[in-house]
Amino acid sequence: MTILVGYLPTPEGDAAVEAGLREGALRSERVVIVNSPRRGAPVDEHKIDDDASAALLARARAAGVDAEVRQPLHDDDLAETFESLVEETGGTLIVIGLRHRSLVGKFILGSEAQRILMEASVPVLTVKADR
């Protein structure tokens, strides 16, 4: 059984990792930290490098949790990427960080988080960053 954690190098991403590692320790489950860059993007400021990946794994070890970092490419459907990982890993929970967006911003840009919440076949835990 596996907990999937959506991660971007943001305060919300850090909050999701912390919550995911807590859940992994409580449930004695493996954690897969998912940093999914958009396929074909020439530069993705949210893609983490090897040092950042190693730091995330060190946080997991310190929490006593078996973890790995994956960076699957996605097109315009991040929710589908998570669903594929749920099936592949035997995922039991998805953890994502949320940031505040205006109603207009949600309407114009849509929301990957909302799609994950609505389409996931497993429970989704959402967390906010400390202010």
C-alpha atoms as a PDB file:
ATOM      1  CA  MET A   1       0.000   0.000   0.000  1.00  0.00           C
ATOM      2  CA  THR A   2       1.228   3.450  -0.887  1.00  0.00           C
ATOM      3  CA  ILE A   3       0.512   7.088  -0.158  1.00  0.00           C
ATOM      4  CA  LEU A   4       1.034   9.447  -3.109  1.00  0.00           C
ATOM      5  CA  VAL A   5       2.118  13.007  -2.339  1.00  0.00           C
ATOM      6  CA  GLY A   6       1.926  15.742  -4.952  1.00  0.00           C
ATOM      7  CA  TYR A   7       4.997  17.942  -4.602  1.00  0.00           C
ATOM      8  CA  LEU A   8       6.081  21.277  -5.982  1.00  0.00           C
ATOM      9  CA  PRO A   9       8.898  23.273  -4.352  1.00  0.00           C
ATOM     10  CA  THR A  10       6.465  25.674  -2.670  1.00  0.00           C
ATOM     11  CA  PRO A  11       5.199  26.120   0.887  1.00  0.00           C
ATOM     12  CA  GLU A  12       2.092  24.127  -0.105  1.00  0.00           C
ATOM     13  CA  GLY A  13       4.275  21.343  -1.482  1.00  0.00           C
ATOM     14  CA  ASP A  14       6.277  21.220   1.739  1.00  0.00           C
ATOM     15  CA  ALA A  15       3.034  21.033   3.736  1.00  0.00           C
ATOM     16  CA  ALA A  16       1.871  18.127   1.563  1.00  0.00           C
ATOM     17  CA  VAL A  17       5.146  16.249   2.109  1.00  0.00           C
ATOM     18  CA  GLU A  18       4.933  16.746   5.881  1.00  0.00           C
ATOM     19  CA  ALA A  19       1.328  15.515   5.957  1.00  0.00           C
ATOM     20  CA  GLY A  20       2.123  12.601   3.651  1.00  0.00           C
ATOM     21  CA  LEU A  21       5.063  11.504   5.782  1.00  0.00           C
ATOM     22  CA  ARG A  22       2.924  11.717   8.941  1.00  0.00           C
ATOM     23  CA  GLU A  23       0.275   9.557   7.270  1.00  0.00           C
ATOM     24  CA  GLY A  24       2.914   7.124   6.036  1.00  0.00           C
ATOM     25  CA  ALA A  25       4.298   6.740   9.558  1.00  0.00           C
ATOM     26  CA  LEU A  26       0.814   6.345  11.097  1.00  0.00           C
ATOM     27  CA  ARG A  27      -0.300   3.766   8.535  1.00  0.00           C
ATOM     28  CA  SER A  28       3.087   2.059   8.103  1.00  0.00           C
ATOM     29  CA  GLU A  29       2.801   2.696   4.382  1.00  0.00           C
ATOM     30  CA  ARG A  30       5.313   3.605   1.727  1.00  0.00           C
ATOM     31  CA  VAL A  31       5.239   7.162   0.346  1.00  0.00           C
ATOM     32  CA  VAL A  32       5.761   8.127  -3.275  1.00  0.00           C
ATOM     33  CA  ILE A  33       6.505  11.825  -3.708  1.00  0.00           C
ATOM     34  CA  VAL A  34       5.266  12.876  -7.143  1.00  0.00           C
ATOM     35  CA  ASN A  35       6.900  15.857  -8.851  1.00  0.00           C
ATOM     36  CA  SER A  36       5.305  15.790 -12.292  1.00  0.00           C
ATOM     37  CA  PRO A  37       6.637  18.219 -14.898  1.00  0.00           C
ATOM     38  CA  ARG A  38       4.517  19.070 -17.925  1.00  0.00           C
ATOM     39  CA  ARG A  39       5.577  17.138 -21.031  1.00  0.00           C
ATOM     40  CA  GLY A  40       7.202  19.362 -23.661  1.00  0.00           C
ATOM     41  CA  ALA A  41       7.686  22.381 -21.401  1.00  0.00           C
ATOM     42  CA  PRO A  42      11.036  23.957 -22.326  1.00  0.00           C
ATOM     43  CA  VAL A  43      11.623  24.993 -18.700  1.00  0.00           C
ATOM     44  CA  ASP A  44       9.646  23.925 -15.667  1.00  0.00           C
ATOM     45  CA  GLU A  45      10.548  25.872 -12.534  1.00  0.00           C
ATOM     46  CA  HIS A  46       8.672  23.299 -10.462  1.00  0.00           C
ATOM     47  CA  LYS A  47      10.805  20.337 -11.554  1.00  0.00           C
ATOM     48  CA  ILE A  48      13.182  19.396  -8.773  1.00  0.00           C
ATOM     49  CA  ASP A  49      16.816  18.383  -9.241  1.00  0.00           C
ATOM     50  CA  ASP A  50      18.744  15.481  -7.718  1.00  0.00           C
ATOM     51  CA  ASP A  51      19.743  17.494  -4.625  1.00  0.00           C
ATOM     52  CA  ALA A  52      16.129  18.443  -3.874  1.00  0.00           C
ATOM     53  CA  SER A  53      15.074  14.836  -4.414  1.00  0.00           C
ATOM     54  CA  ALA A  54      17.768  13.624  -2.011  1.00  0.00           C
ATOM     55  CA  ALA A  55      16.616  16.179   0.583  1.00  0.00           C
ATOM     56  CA  LEU A  56      13.029  14.891   0.335  1.00  0.00           C
ATOM     57  CA  LEU A  57      14.217  11.318   0.805  1.00  0.00           C
ATOM     58  CA  ALA A  58      16.279  12.395   3.825  1.00  0.00           C
ATOM     59  CA  ARG A  59      13.124  13.935   5.346  1.00  0.00           C
ATOM     60  CA  ALA A  60      11.338  10.626   4.808  1.00  0.00           C
ATOM     61  CA  ARG A  61      14.157   8.638   6.417  1.00  0.00           C
ATOM     62  CA  ALA A  62      14.130  11.015   9.412  1.00  0.00           C
ATOM     63  CA  ALA A  63      10.381  10.361   9.737  1.00  0.00           C
ATOM     64  CA  GLY A  64      10.980   6.602   9.593  1.00  0.00           C
ATOM     65  CA  VAL A  65       9.134   6.252   6.289  1.00  0.00           C
ATOM     66  CA  ASP A  66      10.164   4.298   3.184  1.00  0.00           C
ATOM     67  CA  ALA A  67       9.849   6.696   0.260  1.00  0.00           C
ATOM     68  CA  GLU A  68      10.779   7.373  -3.327  1.00  0.00           C
ATOM     69  CA  VAL A  69      10.538  10.373  -5.627  1.00  0.00           C
ATOM     70  CA  ARG A  70       8.990   9.994  -9.069  1.00  0.00           C
ATOM     71  CA  GLN A  71       8.835  12.537 -11.866  1.00  0.00           C
ATOM     72  CA  PRO A  72       6.361  11.204 -14.430  1.00  0.00           C
ATOM     73  CA  LEU A  73       5.712  13.552 -17.326  1.00  0.00           C
ATOM     74  CA  HIS A  74       2.112  14.625 -17.846  1.00  0.00           C
ATOM     75  CA  ASP A  75       0.280  16.367 -20.653  1.00  0.00           C
ATOM     76  CA  ASP A  76      -2.763  18.403 -19.684  1.00  0.00           C
ATOM     77  CA  ASP A  77      -4.179  15.791 -17.332  1.00  0.00           C
ATOM     78  CA  LEU A  78      -2.379  15.622 -13.994  1.00  0.00           C
ATOM     79  CA  ALA A  79      -5.398  13.903 -12.432  1.00  0.00           C
ATOM     80  CA  GLU A  80      -4.957  11.022 -14.889  1.00  0.00           C
ATOM     81  CA  THR A  81      -1.264  10.806 -13.973  1.00  0.00           C
ATOM     82  CA  PHE A  82      -2.182  10.424 -10.302  1.00  0.00           C
ATOM     83  CA  GLU A  83      -4.841   7.841 -11.112  1.00  0.00           C
ATOM     84  CA  SER A  84      -2.311   5.800 -13.092  1.00  0.00           C
ATOM     85  CA  LEU A  85       0.064   5.915 -10.135  1.00  0.00           C
ATOM     86  CA  VAL A  86      -2.739   4.834  -7.771  1.00  0.00           C
ATOM     87  CA  GLU A  87      -3.293   1.758  -9.929  1.00  0.00           C
ATOM     88  CA  GLU A  88       0.417   1.030 -10.385  1.00  0.00           C
ATOM     89  CA  THR A  89       1.444   1.411  -6.733  1.00  0.00           C
ATOM     90  CA  GLY A  90      -1.665   0.227  -4.917  1.00  0.00           C
ATOM     91  CA  GLY A  91      -2.224   3.764  -3.706  1.00  0.00           C
ATOM     92  CA  THR A  92      -4.561   4.222  -0.753  1.00  0.00           C
ATOM     93  CA  LEU A  93      -4.370   8.017  -0.337  1.00  0.00           C
ATOM     94  CA  ILE A  94      -3.344  11.093  -2.315  1.00  0.00           C
ATOM     95  CA  VAL A  95      -2.006  14.127  -0.431  1.00  0.00           C
ATOM     96  CA  ILE A  96      -1.862  17.534  -2.134  1.00  0.00           C
ATOM     97  CA  GLY A  97      -1.224  21.077  -1.004  1.00  0.00           C
ATOM     98  CA  LEU A  98      -3.705  23.819  -1.796  1.00  0.00           C
ATOM     99  CA  ARG A  99      -3.087  27.501  -2.304  1.00  0.00           C
ATOM    100  CA  HIS A 100      -5.658  30.250  -2.138  1.00  0.00           C
ATOM    101  CA  ARG A 101      -6.984  31.371  -5.521  1.00  0.00           C
ATOM    102  CA  SER A 102      -9.710  33.832  -6.335  1.00  0.00           C
ATOM    103  CA  LEU A 103     -12.981  32.605  -7.849  1.00  0.00           C
ATOM    104  CA  VAL A 104     -12.088  34.334 -11.116  1.00  0.00           C
ATOM    105  CA  GLY A 105      -8.689  32.623 -11.159  1.00  0.00           C
ATOM    106  CA  LYS A 106     -10.330  29.240 -10.654  1.00  0.00           C
ATOM    107  CA  PHE A 107     -12.868  29.922 -13.393  1.00  0.00           C
ATOM    108  CA  ILE A 108     -10.333  31.104 -15.979  1.00  0.00           C
ATOM    109  CA  LEU A 109      -7.482  28.710 -15.243  1.00  0.00           C
ATOM    110  CA  GLY A 110      -9.333  25.685 -13.930  1.00  0.00           C
ATOM    111  CA  SER A 111      -7.809  23.749 -11.079  1.00  0.00           C
ATOM    112  CA  GLU A 112      -5.627  20.658 -11.215  1.00  0.00           C
ATOM    113  CA  ALA A 113      -6.320  20.164  -7.507  1.00  0.00           C
ATOM    114  CA  GLN A 114     -10.071  20.243  -8.099  1.00  0.00           C
ATOM    115  CA  ARG A 115      -9.781  17.631 -10.850  1.00  0.00           C
ATOM    116  CA  ILE A 116      -7.701  15.378  -8.591  1.00  0.00           C
ATOM    117  CA  LEU A 117     -10.286  15.788  -5.815  1.00  0.00           C
ATOM    118  CA  MET A 118     -13.210  14.992  -8.106  1.00  0.00           C
ATOM    119  CA  GLU A 119     -11.671  12.182 -10.158  1.00  0.00           C
ATOM    120  CA  ALA A 120      -9.461  10.247  -7.737  1.00  0.00           C
ATOM    121  CA  SER A 121     -10.560   6.711  -6.923  1.00  0.00           C
ATOM    122  CA  VAL A 122      -8.978   6.936  -3.443  1.00  0.00           C
ATOM    123  CA  PRO A 123      -9.372   9.511  -0.654  1.00  0.00           C
ATOM    124  CA  VAL A 124      -7.560  12.824  -1.130  1.00  0.00           C
ATOM    125  CA  LEU A 125      -6.108  14.729   1.810  1.00  0.00           C
ATOM    126  CA  THR A 126      -5.624  18.428   1.102  1.00  0.00           C
ATOM    127  CA  VAL A 127      -3.435  20.636   3.242  1.00  0.00           C
ATOM    128  CA  LYS A 128      -2.569  24.317   3.383  1.00  0.00           C
ATOM    129  CA  ALA A 129       0.776  25.897   4.119  1.00  0.00           C
ATOM    130  CA  ASP A 130       1.237  27.732   7.385  1.00  0.00           C
ATOM    131  CA  ARG A 131       0.734  31.454   6.968  1.00  0.00           C
END
